[in-house]
Amino acid sequence: MANVANLYQGAAVSTATPAELTLMLYNGAIKFCNQAAVGIEEKNIEKANTNLIKAQNIIWELQGTLDFKYPIAKDFDLIYKKILNNLLLANVKKDVDRLNEALEDIRGLRDVWAKVMKVAKTS
């Protein structure tokens, strides 16, 4: 069953538009943050660390795609830096409050992105 899910996910990624890929990345970061929160609550340092690093890697990837010829990229860069700082501190201190701050920002970005995608489809 896991192989079927992996094949489906691979097909979804390979056929996704850039906008859909961005949404998938936001959703992945949220998923890994949620798993890290469980790891922190369970006092499972390895689980928390692994998932926080996965979330950080996604945010770094998103940050790396910014095109600074557009002024809005500076705003996204600042938000990504804030998220990365909170993820790092959450990992070092196993701090759920910092993790929740990062999650709130990621969810906000994801929700705005989803709305932009919806508007773009109807235009």
PDB file of N, CA and C in Angstrom:
ATOM      1  N   MET A   1       0.824  -1.194   0.000  1.00  0.00           N
ATOM      2  CA  MET A   1       0.000   0.000   0.000  1.00  0.00           C
ATOM      3  C   MET A   1       0.867   1.256   0.000  1.00  0.00           C
ATOM      4  N   ALA A   2       1.994   1.200   0.705  1.00  0.00           N
ATOM      5  CA  ALA A   2       2.892   2.361   0.747  1.00  0.00           C
ATOM      6  C   ALA A   2       3.436   2.667  -0.639  1.00  0.00           C
ATOM      7  N   ASN A   3       3.730   1.633  -1.421  1.00  0.00           N
ATOM      8  CA  ASN A   3       4.233   1.844  -2.784  1.00  0.00           C
ATOM      9  C   ASN A   3       3.206   2.547  -3.656  1.00  0.00           C
ATOM     10  N   VAL A   4       1.934   2.205  -3.502  1.00  0.00           N
ATOM     11  CA  VAL A   4       0.873   2.854  -4.271  1.00  0.00           C
ATOM     12  C   VAL A   4       0.808   4.332  -3.897  1.00  0.00           C
ATOM     13  N   ALA A   5       0.879   4.615  -2.609  1.00  0.00           N
ATOM     14  CA  ALA A   5       0.841   6.005  -2.147  1.00  0.00           C
ATOM     15  C   ALA A   5       2.044   6.779  -2.674  1.00  0.00           C
ATOM     16  N   ASN A   6       3.206   6.170  -2.669  1.00  0.00           N
ATOM     17  CA  ASN A   6       4.409   6.825  -3.189  1.00  0.00           C
ATOM     18  C   ASN A   6       4.300   7.085  -4.686  1.00  0.00           C
ATOM     19  N   LEU A   7       3.769   6.122  -5.428  1.00  0.00           N
ATOM     20  CA  LEU A   7       3.577   6.307  -6.864  1.00  0.00           C
ATOM     21  C   LEU A   7       2.593   7.434  -7.140  1.00  0.00           C
ATOM     22  N   TYR A   8       1.503   7.466  -6.380  1.00  0.00           N
ATOM     23  CA  TYR A   8       0.501   8.521  -6.544  1.00  0.00           C
ATOM     24  C   TYR A   8       1.109   9.887  -6.241  1.00  0.00           C
ATOM     25  N   GLN A   9       1.841   9.961  -5.143  1.00  0.00           N
ATOM     26  CA  GLN A   9       2.469  11.227  -4.765  1.00  0.00           C
ATOM     27  C   GLN A   9       3.480  11.666  -5.818  1.00  0.00           C
ATOM     28  N   GLY A  10       4.259  10.739  -6.330  1.00  0.00           N
ATOM     29  CA  GLY A  10       5.225  11.064  -7.384  1.00  0.00           C
ATOM     30  C   GLY A  10       4.541  11.576  -8.630  1.00  0.00           C
ATOM     31  N   ALA A  11       3.427  10.968  -8.988  1.00  0.00           N
ATOM     32  CA  ALA A  11       2.669  11.420 -10.160  1.00  0.00           C
ATOM     33  C   ALA A  11       2.081  12.798  -9.914  1.00  0.00           C
ATOM     34  N   ALA A  12       1.597  13.029  -8.705  1.00  0.00           N
ATOM     35  CA  ALA A  12       1.016  14.339  -8.370  1.00  0.00           C
ATOM     36  C   ALA A  12       2.067  15.430  -8.473  1.00  0.00           C
ATOM     37  N   VAL A  13       3.262  15.159  -7.994  1.00  0.00           N
ATOM     38  CA  VAL A  13       4.348  16.146  -8.042  1.00  0.00           C
ATOM     39  C   VAL A  13       4.786  16.390  -9.479  1.00  0.00           C
ATOM     40  N   SER A  14       4.935  15.323 -10.257  1.00  0.00           N
ATOM     41  CA  SER A  14       5.453  15.483 -11.620  1.00  0.00           C
ATOM     42  C   SER A  14       4.461  16.165 -12.558  1.00  0.00           C
ATOM     43  N   THR A  15       3.187  16.150 -12.220  1.00  0.00           N
ATOM     44  CA  THR A  15       2.186  16.783 -13.082  1.00  0.00           C
ATOM     45  C   THR A  15       1.681  18.113 -12.520  1.00  0.00           C
ATOM     46  N   ALA A  16       2.189  18.530 -11.384  1.00  0.00           N
ATOM     47  CA  ALA A  16       1.715  19.755 -10.733  1.00  0.00           C
ATOM     48  C   ALA A  16       2.290  20.996 -11.403  1.00  0.00           C
ATOM     49  N   THR A  17       1.503  22.061 -11.352  1.00  0.00           N
ATOM     50  CA  THR A  17       1.977  23.360 -11.817  1.00  0.00           C
ATOM     51  C   THR A  17       2.918  23.940 -10.764  1.00  0.00           C
ATOM     52  N   PRO A  18       3.708  24.949 -11.107  1.00  0.00           N
ATOM     53  CA  PRO A  18       4.551  25.589 -10.091  1.00  0.00           C
ATOM     54  C   PRO A  18       3.743  26.101  -8.890  1.00  0.00           C
ATOM     55  N   ALA A  19       2.569  26.626  -9.138  1.00  0.00           N
ATOM     56  CA  ALA A  19       1.729  27.113  -8.033  1.00  0.00           C
ATOM     57  C   ALA A  19       1.297  25.960  -7.131  1.00  0.00           C
ATOM     58  N   GLU A  20       0.920  24.839  -7.749  1.00  0.00           N
ATOM     59  CA  GLU A  20       0.524  23.669  -6.964  1.00  0.00           C
ATOM     60  C   GLU A  20       1.701  23.097  -6.182  1.00  0.00           C
ATOM     61  N   LEU A  21       2.894  23.121  -6.778  1.00  0.00           N
ATOM     62  CA  LEU A  21       4.087  22.651  -6.064  1.00  0.00           C
ATOM     63  C   LEU A  21       4.366  23.508  -4.836  1.00  0.00           C
ATOM     64  N   THR A  22       4.181  24.802  -4.978  1.00  0.00           N
ATOM     65  CA  THR A  22       4.383  25.700  -3.838  1.00  0.00           C
ATOM     66  C   THR A  22       3.394  25.363  -2.731  1.00  0.00           C
ATOM     67  N   LEU A  23       2.149  25.139  -3.088  1.00  0.00           N
ATOM     68  CA  LEU A  23       1.138  24.757  -2.100  1.00  0.00           C
ATOM     69  C   LEU A  23       1.518  23.438  -1.424  1.00  0.00           C
ATOM     70  N   MET A  24       2.024  22.481  -2.213  1.00  0.00           N
ATOM     71  CA  MET A  24       2.466  21.199  -1.649  1.00  0.00           C
ATOM     72  C   MET A  24       3.602  21.406  -0.655  1.00  0.00           C
ATOM     73  N   LEU A  25       4.509  22.323  -0.975  1.00  0.00           N
ATOM     74  CA  LEU A  25       5.620  22.594  -0.061  1.00  0.00           C
ATOM     75  C   LEU A  25       5.118  23.182   1.252  1.00  0.00           C
ATOM     76  N   TYR A  26       4.205  24.143   1.167  1.00  0.00           N
ATOM     77  CA  TYR A  26       3.624  24.694   2.401  1.00  0.00           C
ATOM     78  C   TYR A  26       2.952  23.593   3.221  1.00  0.00           C
ATOM     79  N   ASN A  27       2.182  22.750   2.552  1.00  0.00           N
ATOM     80  CA  ASN A  27       1.502  21.660   3.261  1.00  0.00           C
ATOM     81  C   ASN A  27       2.499  20.671   3.872  1.00  0.00           C
ATOM     82  N   GLY A  28       3.580  20.417   3.160  1.00  0.00           N
ATOM     83  CA  GLY A  28       4.619  19.532   3.703  1.00  0.00           C
ATOM     84  C   GLY A  28       5.265  20.126   4.934  1.00  0.00           C
ATOM     85  N   ALA A  29       5.562  21.415   4.893  1.00  0.00           N
ATOM     86  CA  ALA A  29       6.172  22.078   6.056  1.00  0.00           C
ATOM     87  C   ALA A  29       5.235  22.004   7.252  1.00  0.00           C
ATOM     88  N   ILE A  30       3.954  22.199   7.008  1.00  0.00           N
ATOM     89  CA  ILE A  30       2.965  22.110   8.094  1.00  0.00           C
ATOM     90  C   ILE A  30       2.931  20.695   8.663  1.00  0.00           C
ATOM     91  N   LYS A  31       2.927  19.714   7.782  1.00  0.00           N
ATOM     92  CA  LYS A  31       2.906  18.315   8.221  1.00  0.00           C
ATOM     93  C   LYS A  31       4.121  18.002   9.101  1.00  0.00           C
ATOM     94  N   PHE A  32       5.299  18.420   8.652  1.00  0.00           N
ATOM     95  CA  PHE A  32       6.504  18.132   9.422  1.00  0.00           C
ATOM     96  C   PHE A  32       6.525  18.893  10.746  1.00  0.00           C
ATOM     97  N   CYS A  33       5.995  20.104  10.762  1.00  0.00           N
ATOM     98  CA  CYS A  33       5.904  20.848  12.027  1.00  0.00           C
ATOM     99  C   CYS A  33       4.964  20.140  13.002  1.00  0.00           C
ATOM    100  N   ASN A  34       3.845  19.645  12.492  1.00  0.00           N
ATOM    101  CA  ASN A  34       2.913  18.912  13.354  1.00  0.00           C
ATOM    102  C   ASN A  34       3.558  17.648  13.917  1.00  0.00           C
ATOM    103  N   GLN A  35       4.322  16.943  13.072  1.00  0.00           N
ATOM    104  CA  GLN A  35       5.011  15.743  13.551  1.00  0.00           C
ATOM    105  C   GLN A  35       6.089  16.099  14.568  1.00  0.00           C
ATOM    106  N   ALA A  36       6.753  17.232  14.359  1.00  0.00           N
ATOM    107  CA  ALA A  36       7.764  17.687  15.321  1.00  0.00           C
ATOM    108  C   ALA A  36       7.119  18.033  16.661  1.00  0.00           C
ATOM    109  N   ALA A  37       5.942  18.649  16.613  1.00  0.00           N
ATOM    110  CA  ALA A  37       5.230  18.985  17.850  1.00  0.00           C
ATOM    111  C   ALA A  37       4.903  17.721  18.643  1.00  0.00           C
ATOM    112  N   VAL A  38       4.491  16.687  17.935  1.00  0.00           N
ATOM    113  CA  VAL A  38       4.219  15.404  18.601  1.00  0.00           C
ATOM    114  C   VAL A  38       5.515  14.873  19.217  1.00  0.00           C
ATOM    115  N   GLY A  39       6.603  14.970  18.468  1.00  0.00           N
ATOM    116  CA  GLY A  39       7.893  14.519  18.993  1.00  0.00           C
ATOM    117  C   GLY A  39       8.295  15.271  20.259  1.00  0.00           C
ATOM    118  N   ILE A  40       8.081  16.576  20.272  1.00  0.00           N
ATOM    119  CA  ILE A  40       8.402  17.378  21.462  1.00  0.00           C
ATOM    120  C   ILE A  40       7.530  16.945  22.631  1.00  0.00           C
ATOM    121  N   GLU A  41       6.224  16.790  22.382  1.00  0.00           N
ATOM    122  CA  GLU A  41       5.307  16.376  23.447  1.00  0.00           C
ATOM    123  C   GLU A  41       5.671  15.000  24.001  1.00  0.00           C
ATOM    124  N   GLU A  42       6.112  14.111  23.117  1.00  0.00           N
ATOM    125  CA  GLU A  42       6.491  12.752  23.530  1.00  0.00           C
ATOM    126  C   GLU A  42       7.906  12.694  24.114  1.00  0.00           C
ATOM    127  N   LYS A  43       8.590  13.823  24.105  1.00  0.00           N
ATOM    128  CA  LYS A  43       9.999  13.889  24.538  1.00  0.00           C
ATOM    129  C   LYS A  43      10.876  13.007  23.657  1.00  0.00           C
ATOM    130  N   ASN A  44      10.471  12.862  22.398  1.00  0.00           N
ATOM    131  CA  ASN A  44      11.222  12.091  21.409  1.00  0.00           C
ATOM    132  C   ASN A  44      12.071  13.097  20.623  1.00  0.00           C
ATOM    133  N   ILE A  45      13.278  13.324  21.096  1.00  0.00           N
ATOM    134  CA  ILE A  45      14.152  14.351  20.533  1.00  0.00           C
ATOM    135  C   ILE A  45      14.480  14.065  19.074  1.00  0.00           C
ATOM    136  N   GLU A  46      14.717  12.811  18.749  1.00  0.00           N
ATOM    137  CA  GLU A  46      15.064  12.459  17.367  1.00  0.00           C
ATOM    138  C   GLU A  46      13.910  12.769  16.408  1.00  0.00           C
ATOM    139  N   LYS A  47      12.703  12.404  16.795  1.00  0.00           N
ATOM    140  CA  LYS A  47      11.532  12.669  15.954  1.00  0.00           C
ATOM    141  C   LYS A  47      11.330  14.171  15.771  1.00  0.00           C
ATOM    142  N   ALA A  48      11.455  14.917  16.857  1.00  0.00           N
ATOM    143  CA  ALA A  48      11.295  16.369  16.780  1.00  0.00           C
ATOM    144  C   ALA A  48      12.361  16.972  15.875  1.00  0.00           C
ATOM    145  N   ASN A  49      13.603  16.594  16.089  1.00  0.00           N
ATOM    146  CA  ASN A  49      14.718  17.126  15.318  1.00  0.00           C
ATOM    147  C   ASN A  49      14.581  16.807  13.834  1.00  0.00           C
ATOM    148  N   THR A  50      14.304  15.561  13.519  1.00  0.00           N
ATOM    149  CA  THR A  50      14.188  15.142  12.116  1.00  0.00           C
ATOM    150  C   THR A  50      13.114  15.939  11.391  1.00  0.00           C
ATOM    151  N   ASN A  51      11.973  16.086  12.021  1.00  0.00           N
ATOM    152  CA  ASN A  51      10.860  16.777  11.363  1.00  0.00           C
ATOM    153  C   ASN A  51      11.061  18.285  11.305  1.00  0.00           C
ATOM    154  N   LEU A  52      11.713  18.858  12.309  1.00  0.00           N
ATOM    155  CA  LEU A  52      12.016  20.291  12.258  1.00  0.00           C
ATOM    156  C   LEU A  52      13.021  20.589  11.151  1.00  0.00           C
ATOM    157  N   ILE A  53      13.984  19.713  10.964  1.00  0.00           N
ATOM    158  CA  ILE A  53      14.953  19.902   9.876  1.00  0.00           C
ATOM    159  C   ILE A  53      14.251  19.783   8.520  1.00  0.00           C
ATOM    160  N   LYS A  54      13.324  18.852   8.388  1.00  0.00           N
ATOM    161  CA  LYS A  54      12.575  18.724   7.131  1.00  0.00           C
ATOM    162  C   LYS A  54      11.777  19.999   6.856  1.00  0.00           C
ATOM    163  N   ALA A  55      11.143  20.556   7.880  1.00  0.00           N
ATOM    164  CA  ALA A  55      10.381  21.794   7.713  1.00  0.00           C
ATOM    165  C   ALA A  55      11.314  22.941   7.335  1.00  0.00           C
ATOM    166  N   GLN A  56      12.468  23.023   7.987  1.00  0.00           N
ATOM    167  CA  GLN A  56      13.454  24.066   7.652  1.00  0.00           C
ATOM    168  C   GLN A  56      13.900  23.940   6.202  1.00  0.00           C
ATOM    169  N   ASN A  57      14.170  22.731   5.763  1.00  0.00           N
ATOM    170  CA  ASN A  57      14.615  22.522   4.380  1.00  0.00           C
ATOM    171  C   ASN A  57      13.574  23.006   3.380  1.00  0.00           C
ATOM    172  N   ILE A  58      12.314  22.793   3.691  1.00  0.00           N
ATOM    173  CA  ILE A  58      11.252  23.264   2.798  1.00  0.00           C
ATOM    174  C   ILE A  58      11.235  24.789   2.762  1.00  0.00           C
ATOM    175  N   ILE A  59      11.340  25.418   3.915  1.00  0.00           N
ATOM    176  CA  ILE A  59      11.322  26.887   3.953  1.00  0.00           C
ATOM    177  C   ILE A  59      12.547  27.440   3.233  1.00  0.00           C
ATOM    178  N   TRP A  60      13.699  26.814   3.395  1.00  0.00           N
ATOM    179  CA  TRP A  60      14.896  27.251   2.655  1.00  0.00           C
ATOM    180  C   TRP A  60      14.669  27.131   1.151  1.00  0.00           C
ATOM    181  N   GLU A  61      14.015  26.064   0.736  1.00  0.00           N
ATOM    182  CA  GLU A  61      13.717  25.877  -0.688  1.00  0.00           C
ATOM    183  C   GLU A  61      12.804  26.993  -1.186  1.00  0.00           C
ATOM    184  N   LEU A  62      11.758  27.279  -0.423  1.00  0.00           N
ATOM    185  CA  LEU A  62      10.850  28.367  -0.807  1.00  0.00           C
ATOM    186  C   LEU A  62      11.592  29.705  -0.860  1.00  0.00           C
ATOM    187  N   GLN A  63      12.429  29.935   0.120  1.00  0.00           N
ATOM    188  CA  GLN A  63      13.208  31.180   0.177  1.00  0.00           C
ATOM    189  C   GLN A  63      14.150  31.272  -1.028  1.00  0.00           C
ATOM    190  N   GLY A  64      14.707  30.156  -1.419  1.00  0.00           N
ATOM    191  CA  GLY A  64      15.629  30.128  -2.545  1.00  0.00           C
ATOM    192  C   GLY A  64      14.978  30.396  -3.891  1.00  0.00           C
ATOM    193  N   THR A  65      13.665  30.284  -3.952  1.00  0.00           N
ATOM    194  CA  THR A  65      12.969  30.528  -5.219  1.00  0.00           C
ATOM    195  C   THR A  65      12.530  31.979  -5.386  1.00  0.00           C
ATOM    196  N   LEU A  66      12.773  32.797  -4.379  1.00  0.00           N
ATOM    197  CA  LEU A  66      12.333  34.200  -4.456  1.00  0.00           C
ATOM    198  C   LEU A  66      13.061  34.942  -5.575  1.00  0.00           C
ATOM    199  N   ASP A  67      12.317  35.735  -6.297  1.00  0.00           N
ATOM    200  CA  ASP A  67      12.862  36.551  -7.381  1.00  0.00           C
ATOM    201  C   ASP A  67      12.842  38.006  -6.911  1.00  0.00           C
ATOM    202  N   PHE A  68      14.004  38.517  -6.562  1.00  0.00           N
ATOM    203  CA  PHE A  68      14.098  39.832  -5.939  1.00  0.00           C
ATOM    204  C   PHE A  68      13.932  40.993  -6.914  1.00  0.00           C
ATOM    205  N   LYS A  69      13.626  40.695  -8.171  1.00  0.00           N
ATOM    206  CA  LYS A  69      13.290  41.804  -9.074  1.00  0.00           C
ATOM    207  C   LYS A  69      11.881  42.309  -8.761  1.00  0.00           C
ATOM    208  N   TYR A  70      11.128  41.519  -7.982  1.00  0.00           N
ATOM    209  CA  TYR A  70       9.803  41.941  -7.529  1.00  0.00           C
ATOM    210  C   TYR A  70       9.903  42.384  -6.060  1.00  0.00           C
ATOM    211  N   PRO A  71       9.414  43.570  -5.739  1.00  0.00           N
ATOM    212  CA  PRO A  71       9.541  44.094  -4.371  1.00  0.00           C
ATOM    213  C   PRO A  71       8.935  43.191  -3.294  1.00  0.00           C
ATOM    214  N   ILE A  72       7.892  42.437  -3.614  1.00  0.00           N
ATOM    215  CA  ILE A  72       7.244  41.568  -2.634  1.00  0.00           C
ATOM    216  C   ILE A  72       8.184  40.468  -2.138  1.00  0.00           C
ATOM    217  N   ALA A  73       9.204  40.147  -2.919  1.00  0.00           N
ATOM    218  CA  ALA A  73      10.148  39.099  -2.527  1.00  0.00           C
ATOM    219  C   ALA A  73      10.843  39.455  -1.217  1.00  0.00           C
ATOM    220  N   LYS A  74      11.106  40.739  -0.996  1.00  0.00           N
ATOM    221  CA  LYS A  74      11.750  41.166   0.263  1.00  0.00           C
ATOM    222  C   LYS A  74      10.853  40.859   1.454  1.00  0.00           C
ATOM    223  N   ASP A  75       9.545  41.059   1.276  1.00  0.00           N
ATOM    224  CA  ASP A  75       8.603  40.764   2.358  1.00  0.00           C
ATOM    225  C   ASP A  75       8.561  39.267   2.656  1.00  0.00           C
ATOM    226  N   PHE A  76       8.501  38.465   1.593  1.00  0.00           N
ATOM    227  CA  PHE A  76       8.516  37.014   1.791  1.00  0.00           C
ATOM    228  C   PHE A  76       9.825  36.570   2.441  1.00  0.00           C
ATOM    229  N   ASP A  77      10.928  37.169   2.037  1.00  0.00           N
ATOM    230  CA  ASP A  77      12.224  36.821   2.606  1.00  0.00           C
ATOM    231  C   ASP A  77      12.232  37.066   4.113  1.00  0.00           C
ATOM    232  N   LEU A  78      11.694  38.190   4.533  1.00  0.00           N
ATOM    233  CA  LEU A  78      11.627  38.496   5.978  1.00  0.00           C
ATOM    234  C   LEU A  78      10.757  37.486   6.716  1.00  0.00           C
ATOM    235  N   ILE A  79       9.631  37.120   6.121  1.00  0.00           N
ATOM    236  CA  ILE A  79       8.752  36.132   6.759  1.00  0.00           C
ATOM    237  C   ILE A  79       9.460  34.785   6.847  1.00  0.00           C
ATOM    238  N   TYR A  80      10.112  34.375   5.751  1.00  0.00           N
ATOM    239  CA  TYR A  80      10.839  33.105   5.768  1.00  0.00           C
ATOM    240  C   TYR A  80      11.962  33.115   6.807  1.00  0.00           C
ATOM    241  N   LYS A  81      12.665  34.237   6.939  1.00  0.00           N
ATOM    242  CA  LYS A  81      13.721  34.333   7.956  1.00  0.00           C
ATOM    243  C   LYS A  81      13.141  34.195   9.357  1.00  0.00           C
ATOM    244  N   LYS A  82      11.992  34.816   9.596  1.00  0.00           N
ATOM    245  CA  LYS A  82      11.334  34.699  10.902  1.00  0.00           C
ATOM    246  C   LYS A  82      10.941  33.252  11.168  1.00  0.00           C
ATOM    247  N   ILE A  83      10.352  32.604  10.165  1.00  0.00           N
ATOM    248  CA  ILE A  83       9.947  31.203  10.317  1.00  0.00           C
ATOM    249  C   ILE A  83      11.167  30.338  10.612  1.00  0.00           C
ATOM    250  N   LEU A  84      12.238  30.527   9.835  1.00  0.00           N
ATOM    251  CA  LEU A  84      13.452  29.719  10.034  1.00  0.00           C
ATOM    252  C   LEU A  84      14.035  29.936  11.419  1.00  0.00           C
ATOM    253  N   ASN A  85      14.030  31.171  11.891  1.00  0.00           N
ATOM    254  CA  ASN A  85      14.535  31.463  13.234  1.00  0.00           C
ATOM    255  C   ASN A  85      13.696  30.732  14.284  1.00  0.00           C
ATOM    256  N   ASN A  86      12.380  30.781  14.131  1.00  0.00           N
ATOM    257  CA  ASN A  86      11.515  30.091  15.089  1.00  0.00           C
ATOM    258  C   ASN A  86      11.684  28.578  15.022  1.00  0.00           C
ATOM    259  N   LEU A  87      11.851  28.030  13.828  1.00  0.00           N
ATOM    260  CA  LEU A  87      12.078  26.585  13.707  1.00  0.00           C
ATOM    261  C   LEU A  87      13.408  26.184  14.344  1.00  0.00           C
ATOM    262  N   LEU A  88      14.421  26.993  14.133  1.00  0.00           N
ATOM    263  CA  LEU A  88      15.724  26.706  14.731  1.00  0.00           C
ATOM    264  C   LEU A  88      15.647  26.733  16.254  1.00  0.00           C
ATOM    265  N   LEU A  89      15.032  27.784  16.798  1.00  0.00           N
ATOM    266  CA  LEU A  89      14.904  27.886  18.260  1.00  0.00           C
ATOM    267  C   LEU A  89      14.011  26.784  18.818  1.00  0.00           C
ATOM    268  N   ALA A  90      12.958  26.439  18.071  1.00  0.00           N
ATOM    269  CA  ALA A  90      12.097  25.334  18.503  1.00  0.00           C
ATOM    270  C   ALA A  90      12.899  24.044  18.584  1.00  0.00           C
ATOM    271  N   ASN A  91      13.813  23.856  17.651  1.00  0.00           N
ATOM    272  CA  ASN A  91      14.614  22.637  17.624  1.00  0.00           C
ATOM    273  C   ASN A  91      15.655  22.636  18.737  1.00  0.00           C
ATOM    274  N   VAL A  92      16.353  23.740  18.893  1.00  0.00           N
ATOM    275  CA  VAL A  92      17.411  23.805  19.900  1.00  0.00           C
ATOM    276  C   VAL A  92      16.839  23.658  21.313  1.00  0.00           C
ATOM    277  N   LYS A  93      15.721  24.345  21.548  1.00  0.00           N
ATOM    278  CA  LYS A  93      15.142  24.377  22.902  1.00  0.00           C
ATOM    279  C   LYS A  93      13.973  23.409  23.076  1.00  0.00           C
ATOM    280  N   LYS A  94      13.591  22.747  21.995  1.00  0.00           N
ATOM    281  CA  LYS A  94      12.389  21.897  21.986  1.00  0.00           C
ATOM    282  C   LYS A  94      11.218  22.705  22.557  1.00  0.00           C
ATOM    283  N   ASP A  95      11.035  23.882  21.959  1.00  0.00           N
ATOM    284  CA  ASP A  95      10.083  24.895  22.411  1.00  0.00           C
ATOM    285  C   ASP A  95       8.835  24.872  21.529  1.00  0.00           C
ATOM    286  N   VAL A  96       7.735  24.388  22.083  1.00  0.00           N
ATOM    287  CA  VAL A  96       6.484  24.275  21.337  1.00  0.00           C
ATOM    288  C   VAL A  96       5.938  25.660  20.974  1.00  0.00           C
ATOM    289  N   ASP A  97       6.158  26.653  21.826  1.00  0.00           N
ATOM    290  CA  ASP A  97       5.655  27.998  21.530  1.00  0.00           C
ATOM    291  C   ASP A  97       6.306  28.559  20.266  1.00  0.00           C
ATOM    292  N   ARG A  98       7.614  28.393  20.134  1.00  0.00           N
ATOM    293  CA  ARG A  98       8.310  28.839  18.914  1.00  0.00           C
ATOM    294  C   ARG A  98       7.826  28.063  17.702  1.00  0.00           C
ATOM    295  N   LEU A  99       7.614  26.779  17.884  1.00  0.00           N
ATOM    296  CA  LEU A  99       7.116  25.947  16.796  1.00  0.00           C
ATOM    297  C   LEU A  99       5.722  26.412  16.370  1.00  0.00           C
ATOM    298  N   ASN A 100       4.874  26.721  17.336  1.00  0.00           N
ATOM    299  CA  ASN A 100       3.531  27.192  17.016  1.00  0.00           C
ATOM    300  C   ASN A 100       3.553  28.539  16.293  1.00  0.00           C
ATOM    301  N   GLU A 101       4.505  29.410  16.648  1.00  0.00           N
ATOM    302  CA  GLU A 101       4.659  30.679  15.926  1.00  0.00           C
ATOM    303  C   GLU A 101       5.004  30.423  14.460  1.00  0.00           C
ATOM    304  N   ALA A 102       5.945  29.519  14.244  1.00  0.00           N
ATOM    305  CA  ALA A 102       6.337  29.173  12.873  1.00  0.00           C
ATOM    306  C   ALA A 102       5.157  28.567  12.125  1.00  0.00           C
ATOM    307  N   LEU A 103       4.451  27.672  12.774  1.00  0.00           N
ATOM    308  CA  LEU A 103       3.291  27.025  12.153  1.00  0.00           C
ATOM    309  C   LEU A 103       2.222  28.042  11.772  1.00  0.00           C
ATOM    310  N   GLU A 104       1.977  29.000  12.641  1.00  0.00           N
ATOM    311  CA  GLU A 104       0.985  30.037  12.357  1.00  0.00           C
ATOM    312  C   GLU A 104       1.375  30.824  11.106  1.00  0.00           C
ATOM    313  N   ASP A 105       2.651  31.177  10.999  1.00  0.00           N
ATOM    314  CA  ASP A 105       3.123  31.905   9.821  1.00  0.00           C
ATOM    315  C   ASP A 105       3.031  31.054   8.557  1.00  0.00           C
ATOM    316  N   ILE A 106       3.418  29.790   8.651  1.00  0.00           N
ATOM    317  CA  ILE A 106       3.371  28.906   7.482  1.00  0.00           C
ATOM    318  C   ILE A 106       1.921  28.703   7.038  1.00  0.00           C
ATOM    319  N   ARG A 107       1.040  28.471   8.000  1.00  0.00           N
ATOM    320  CA  ARG A 107      -0.384  28.295   7.655  1.00  0.00           C
ATOM    321  C   ARG A 107      -0.942  29.561   7.000  1.00  0.00           C
ATOM    322  N   GLY A 108      -0.539  30.718   7.520  1.00  0.00           N
ATOM    323  CA  GLY A 108      -0.996  31.974   6.933  1.00  0.00           C
ATOM    324  C   GLY A 108      -0.549  32.112   5.490  1.00  0.00           C
ATOM    325  N   LEU A 109       0.716  31.809   5.230  1.00  0.00           N
ATOM    326  CA  LEU A 109       1.227  31.864   3.863  1.00  0.00           C
ATOM    327  C   LEU A 109       0.510  30.863   2.964  1.00  0.00           C
ATOM    328  N   ARG A 110       0.318  29.659   3.475  1.00  0.00           N
ATOM    329  CA  ARG A 110      -0.371  28.620   2.706  1.00  0.00           C
ATOM    330  C   ARG A 110      -1.786  29.051   2.356  1.00  0.00           C
ATOM    331  N   ASP A 111      -2.499  29.614   3.327  1.00  0.00           N
ATOM    332  CA  ASP A 111      -3.888  30.017   3.104  1.00  0.00           C
ATOM    333  C   ASP A 111      -3.979  31.140   2.075  1.00  0.00           C
ATOM    334  N   VAL A 112      -3.073  32.108   2.173  1.00  0.00           N
ATOM    335  CA  VAL A 112      -3.052  33.195   1.193  1.00  0.00           C
ATOM    336  C   VAL A 112      -2.727  32.637  -0.190  1.00  0.00           C
ATOM    337  N   TRP A 113      -1.754  31.740  -0.250  1.00  0.00           N
ATOM    338  CA  TRP A 113      -1.361  31.141  -1.530  1.00  0.00           C
ATOM    339  C   TRP A 113      -2.538  30.394  -2.159  1.00  0.00           C
ATOM    340  N   ALA A 114      -3.267  29.638  -1.351  1.00  0.00           N
ATOM    341  CA  ALA A 114      -4.419  28.884  -1.854  1.00  0.00           C
ATOM    342  C   ALA A 114      -5.486  29.841  -2.403  1.00  0.00           C
ATOM    343  N   LYS A 115      -5.695  30.970  -1.730  1.00  0.00           N
ATOM    344  CA  LYS A 115      -6.674  31.952  -2.206  1.00  0.00           C
ATOM    345  C   LYS A 115      -6.219  32.577  -3.519  1.00  0.00           C
ATOM    346  N   VAL A 116      -4.936  32.879  -3.618  1.00  0.00           N
ATOM    347  CA  VAL A 116      -4.400  33.446  -4.862  1.00  0.00           C
ATOM    348  C   VAL A 116      -4.590  32.444  -6.002  1.00  0.00           C
ATOM    349  N   MET A 117      -4.321  31.190  -5.755  1.00  0.00           N
ATOM    350  CA  MET A 117      -4.500  30.157  -6.782  1.00  0.00           C
ATOM    351  C   MET A 117      -5.955  30.092  -7.237  1.00  0.00           C
ATOM    352  N   LYS A 118      -6.869  30.172  -6.270  1.00  0.00           N
ATOM    353  CA  LYS A 118      -8.300  30.094  -6.577  1.00  0.00           C
ATOM    354  C   LYS A 118      -8.727  31.279  -7.427  1.00  0.00           C
ATOM    355  N   VAL A 119      -8.271  32.472  -7.064  1.00  0.00           N
ATOM    356  CA  VAL A 119      -8.599  33.683  -7.832  1.00  0.00           C
ATOM    357  C   VAL A 119      -8.012  33.587  -9.240  1.00  0.00           C
ATOM    358  N   ALA A 120      -6.778  33.098  -9.336  1.00  0.00           N
ATOM    359  CA  ALA A 120      -6.121  32.989 -10.642  1.00  0.00           C
ATOM    360  C   ALA A 120      -6.864  32.017 -11.552  1.00  0.00           C
ATOM    361  N   LYS A 121      -7.436  30.957 -10.994  1.00  0.00           N
ATOM    362  CA  LYS A 121      -8.171  29.976 -11.801  1.00  0.00           C
ATOM    363  C   LYS A 121      -9.470  30.553 -12.337  1.00  0.00           C
ATOM    364  N   THR A 122     -10.084  31.455 -11.564  1.00  0.00           N
ATOM    365  CA  THR A 122     -11.372  32.008 -11.983  1.00  0.00           C
ATOM    366  C   THR A 122     -11.208  33.230 -12.889  1.00  0.00           C
ATOM    367  N   SER A 123      -9.984  33.719 -13.030  1.00  0.00           N
ATOM    368  CA  SER A 123      -9.760  34.911 -13.883  1.00  0.00           C
ATOM    369  C   SER A 123      -9.611  34.530 -15.335  1.00  0.00           C
TER     370      SER A 123
END
